[in-house]
Amino acid sequence: LAERHDGQVLSALRAGETDPVKLTRVLHIEECVASLDHLFSELLDLSRLETGTVHAAMADVRLDEVFDEVSRNFRMLAESRGLRLIVRKTDAWVRADRTMLTRILNNLVSNALRHTPPGGRVEVDVRAIDDDAVLTVRDTGDGIPADDLPRVFDRYQRHADSGGSGLGLAIVRSLVEAHGGTVTAE
């Protein structure tokens, strides 16, 4: 078993197990392994971005297609948490790396959903300012203390009860900077 992938080992441990206590322990181990895998993946991504080994493959991107994908990714999660996810339709096109842009919005929307209480809403939209497209993810959560705003996109900055790794917004900043842009929080 030692040479098999972690998921296969855990599946083998779970297979045929009927003892509820043992099954609960195996399921908890599976969650921990998945969480560590996600953390290592985020660290690797951030390292690649910060060392410049990943570059944006710029192309003309129909923003509404990215918005639709983000909406599909999070609509059910938002509804299950008693939240409204509002993704405004647009006919805008942007020059961006589509995969990176999708990840930026996914990270921002995921963060907003995590910090918005039931009954609230998360909105995604775009507006043009001069020749730039300004993408906005807005939520009705409690907000970020003013003293923390300058550090919100730094590594390991996270809300105490968020359950996140503290890397998602740092990845957002690195992805935005790979596009030559800036990201702010208010």
Protein backbone atom coordinates (compact mmCIF):
# COMPACT_ATOMS: atom_id res chain seq x y z
CA LEU A 1 0.00 0.00 0.00
CA ALA A 2 2.87 2.41 0.73
CA GLU A 3 3.64 2.91 -2.96
CA ARG A 4 0.05 3.71 -3.90
CA HIS A 5 -1.30 7.24 -4.20
CA ASP A 6 -2.71 8.67 -0.94
CA GLY A 7 -6.25 8.66 -2.32
CA GLN A 8 -5.96 5.00 -3.26
CA VAL A 9 -4.62 4.10 0.19
CA LEU A 10 -7.49 5.91 1.86
CA SER A 11 -10.02 4.31 -0.48
CA ALA A 12 -8.56 0.93 0.41
CA LEU A 13 -8.89 1.75 4.11
CA ARG A 14 -12.52 2.83 3.62
CA ALA A 15 -13.52 -0.11 1.41
CA GLY A 16 -15.72 -2.51 3.31
CA GLU A 17 -15.33 -0.67 6.61
CA THR A 18 -18.50 -0.86 8.65
CA ASP A 19 -17.30 0.41 12.04
CA PRO A 20 -18.68 3.98 12.22
CA VAL A 21 -15.83 5.19 14.43
CA LYS A 22 -13.14 3.88 12.06
CA LEU A 23 -15.04 5.16 9.02
CA THR A 24 -15.29 8.63 10.60
CA ARG A 25 -11.54 8.62 11.25
CA VAL A 26 -10.75 7.59 7.66
CA LEU A 27 -13.06 10.31 6.30
CA HIS A 28 -11.36 12.87 8.56
CA ILE A 29 -7.94 11.74 7.28
CA GLU A 30 -9.22 12.11 3.69
CA GLU A 31 -10.30 15.69 4.44
CA CYS A 32 -6.90 16.49 5.97
CA VAL A 33 -5.04 15.03 2.98
CA ALA A 34 -7.21 17.02 0.56
CA SER A 35 -6.62 20.19 2.56
CA LEU A 36 -2.84 19.66 2.59
CA ASP A 37 -2.85 18.87 -1.13
CA HIS A 38 -4.70 22.13 -1.79
CA LEU A 39 -2.27 24.07 0.41
CA PHE A 40 0.79 22.62 -1.36
CA SER A 41 -0.77 23.39 -4.73
CA GLU A 42 -1.41 27.01 -3.70
CA LEU A 43 2.15 27.38 -2.38
CA LEU A 44 3.58 25.99 -5.61
CA ASP A 45 1.39 28.29 -7.72
CA LEU A 46 2.35 31.33 -5.67
CA SER A 47 6.04 30.43 -5.85
CA ARG A 48 5.86 30.08 -9.64
CA LEU A 49 4.09 33.41 -9.97
CA GLU A 50 6.50 35.25 -7.69
CA THR A 51 9.59 33.85 -9.42
CA GLY A 52 8.23 34.79 -12.82
CA THR A 53 8.16 31.25 -14.21
CA VAL A 54 4.48 31.65 -15.11
CA HIS A 55 3.51 34.27 -17.67
CA ALA A 56 0.13 35.51 -18.78
CA ALA A 57 -0.86 34.27 -22.25
CA MET A 58 -2.68 37.39 -23.32
CA ALA A 59 -5.63 37.13 -25.68
CA ASP A 60 -8.92 38.90 -26.32
CA VAL A 61 -11.40 37.45 -23.82
CA ARG A 62 -15.16 37.89 -23.83
CA LEU A 63 -15.71 38.79 -20.18
CA ASP A 64 -19.28 37.50 -20.08
CA GLU A 65 -17.97 33.96 -20.75
CA VAL A 66 -15.68 34.20 -17.72
CA PHE A 67 -18.51 35.65 -15.63
CA ASP A 68 -20.79 32.76 -16.69
CA GLU A 69 -18.14 30.23 -15.65
CA VAL A 70 -17.67 31.88 -12.25
CA SER A 71 -21.42 31.95 -11.78
CA ARG A 72 -21.69 28.22 -12.58
CA ASN A 73 -18.82 27.45 -10.20
CA PHE A 74 -20.43 29.18 -7.21
CA ARG A 75 -24.19 29.46 -7.74
CA MET A 76 -25.07 26.26 -5.84
CA LEU A 77 -22.63 27.02 -3.01
CA ALA A 78 -24.09 30.50 -2.61
CA GLU A 79 -27.64 29.15 -2.54
CA SER A 80 -26.70 26.44 -0.03
CA ARG A 81 -25.37 29.18 2.28
CA GLY A 82 -28.47 31.34 1.89
CA LEU A 83 -26.66 33.95 -0.23
CA ARG A 84 -27.44 35.69 -3.51
CA LEU A 85 -24.70 35.60 -6.13
CA ILE A 86 -25.27 38.37 -8.66
CA VAL A 87 -23.04 38.31 -11.74
CA ARG A 88 -23.90 41.22 -14.00
CA LYS A 89 -24.08 40.60 -17.73
CA THR A 90 -21.65 42.53 -19.91
CA ASP A 91 -20.64 42.82 -23.54
CA ALA A 92 -17.08 43.86 -22.58
CA TRP A 93 -13.96 42.22 -23.96
CA VAL A 94 -10.64 42.39 -22.15
CA ARG A 95 -7.06 41.56 -23.03
CA ALA A 96 -6.10 38.88 -20.49
CA ASP A 97 -5.02 35.34 -19.82
CA ARG A 98 -8.44 33.66 -19.62
CA THR A 99 -7.35 30.94 -17.18
CA MET A 100 -5.68 33.45 -14.86
CA LEU A 101 -8.61 35.83 -15.04
CA THR A 102 -11.01 33.03 -14.15
CA ARG A 103 -8.83 32.05 -11.19
CA ILE A 104 -8.70 35.66 -9.99
CA LEU A 105 -12.48 35.93 -9.99
CA ASN A 106 -12.94 32.44 -8.53
CA ASN A 107 -10.63 33.29 -5.62
CA LEU A 108 -12.32 36.63 -4.97
CA VAL A 109 -15.85 35.21 -5.15
CA SER A 110 -14.90 32.24 -2.96
CA ASN A 111 -13.46 34.62 -0.38
CA ALA A 112 -16.52 36.87 -0.51
CA LEU A 113 -18.90 33.93 -0.07
CA ARG A 114 -16.88 32.66 2.89
CA HIS A 115 -17.19 36.01 4.70
CA THR A 116 -20.80 36.91 3.91
CA PRO A 117 -23.48 35.87 6.41
CA PRO A 118 -26.71 34.13 5.31
CA GLY A 119 -29.16 36.52 3.68
CA GLY A 120 -26.32 38.56 2.15
CA ARG A 121 -25.17 38.91 -1.42
CA VAL A 122 -22.02 38.82 -3.52
CA GLU A 123 -21.90 40.86 -6.74
CA VAL A 124 -19.51 40.67 -9.68
CA ASP A 125 -19.40 43.37 -12.33
CA VAL A 126 -17.16 45.41 -14.60
CA ARG A 127 -17.00 49.06 -15.58
CA ALA A 128 -14.77 50.96 -17.94
CA ILE A 129 -12.55 53.73 -16.62
CA ASP A 130 -10.55 55.41 -19.36
CA ASP A 131 -9.13 52.47 -21.35
CA ASP A 132 -9.15 50.08 -18.42
CA ALA A 133 -11.67 47.49 -17.32
CA VAL A 134 -12.26 47.59 -13.56
CA LEU A 135 -13.59 44.31 -12.25
CA THR A 136 -15.34 44.45 -8.90
CA VAL A 137 -16.35 41.74 -6.46
CA ARG A 138 -18.49 43.25 -3.73
CA ASP A 139 -20.14 41.55 -0.75
CA THR A 140 -22.36 42.41 2.19
CA GLY A 141 -20.11 40.80 4.79
CA ASP A 142 -18.78 42.55 7.88
CA GLY A 143 -15.85 43.97 5.96
CA ILE A 144 -12.16 44.18 6.75
CA PRO A 145 -10.86 46.46 9.52
CA ALA A 146 -9.22 49.56 8.01
CA ASP A 147 -5.89 48.73 9.67
CA ASP A 148 -5.82 45.35 7.88
CA LEU A 149 -6.65 46.63 4.37
CA PRO A 150 -3.02 47.38 3.36
CA ARG A 151 -2.05 43.74 4.11
CA VAL A 152 -5.10 41.86 2.83
CA PHE A 153 -3.27 40.66 -0.32
CA ASP A 154 -0.15 39.55 1.57
CA ARG A 155 0.67 35.88 2.16
CA TYR A 156 -1.00 34.22 5.14
CA GLN A 157 -3.29 37.15 5.89
CA ARG A 158 -6.65 35.67 6.70
CA HIS A 159 -9.65 36.16 8.87
CA ALA A 160 -9.26 34.17 12.09
CA ASP A 161 -12.24 31.90 11.41
CA SER A 162 -12.03 31.72 7.60
CA GLY A 163 -10.66 28.21 7.34
CA GLY A 164 -8.60 29.34 4.38
CA SER A 165 -4.86 29.08 3.87
CA GLY A 166 -4.23 32.80 3.69
CA LEU A 167 -2.83 32.37 0.17
CA GLY A 168 -5.87 32.95 -2.06
CA LEU A 169 -5.69 36.74 -2.08
CA ALA A 170 -1.88 36.69 -2.41
CA ILE A 171 -2.38 34.55 -5.52
CA VAL A 172 -4.95 37.06 -6.77
CA ARG A 173 -2.43 39.88 -6.40
CA SER A 174 0.29 37.93 -8.22
CA LEU A 175 -2.08 37.00 -11.06
CA VAL A 176 -3.28 40.59 -11.42
CA GLU A 177 0.32 41.84 -11.43
CA ALA A 178 1.18 39.25 -14.13
CA HIS A 179 -1.34 41.18 -16.24
CA GLY A 180 0.29 44.51 -15.43
CA GLY A 181 -2.66 45.48 -13.25
CA THR A 182 -3.32 46.34 -9.63
CA VAL A 183 -5.77 45.02 -7.06
CA THR A 184 -7.20 46.90 -4.10
CA ALA A 185 -9.63 46.28 -1.27
CA GLU A 186 -11.94 48.80 0.33
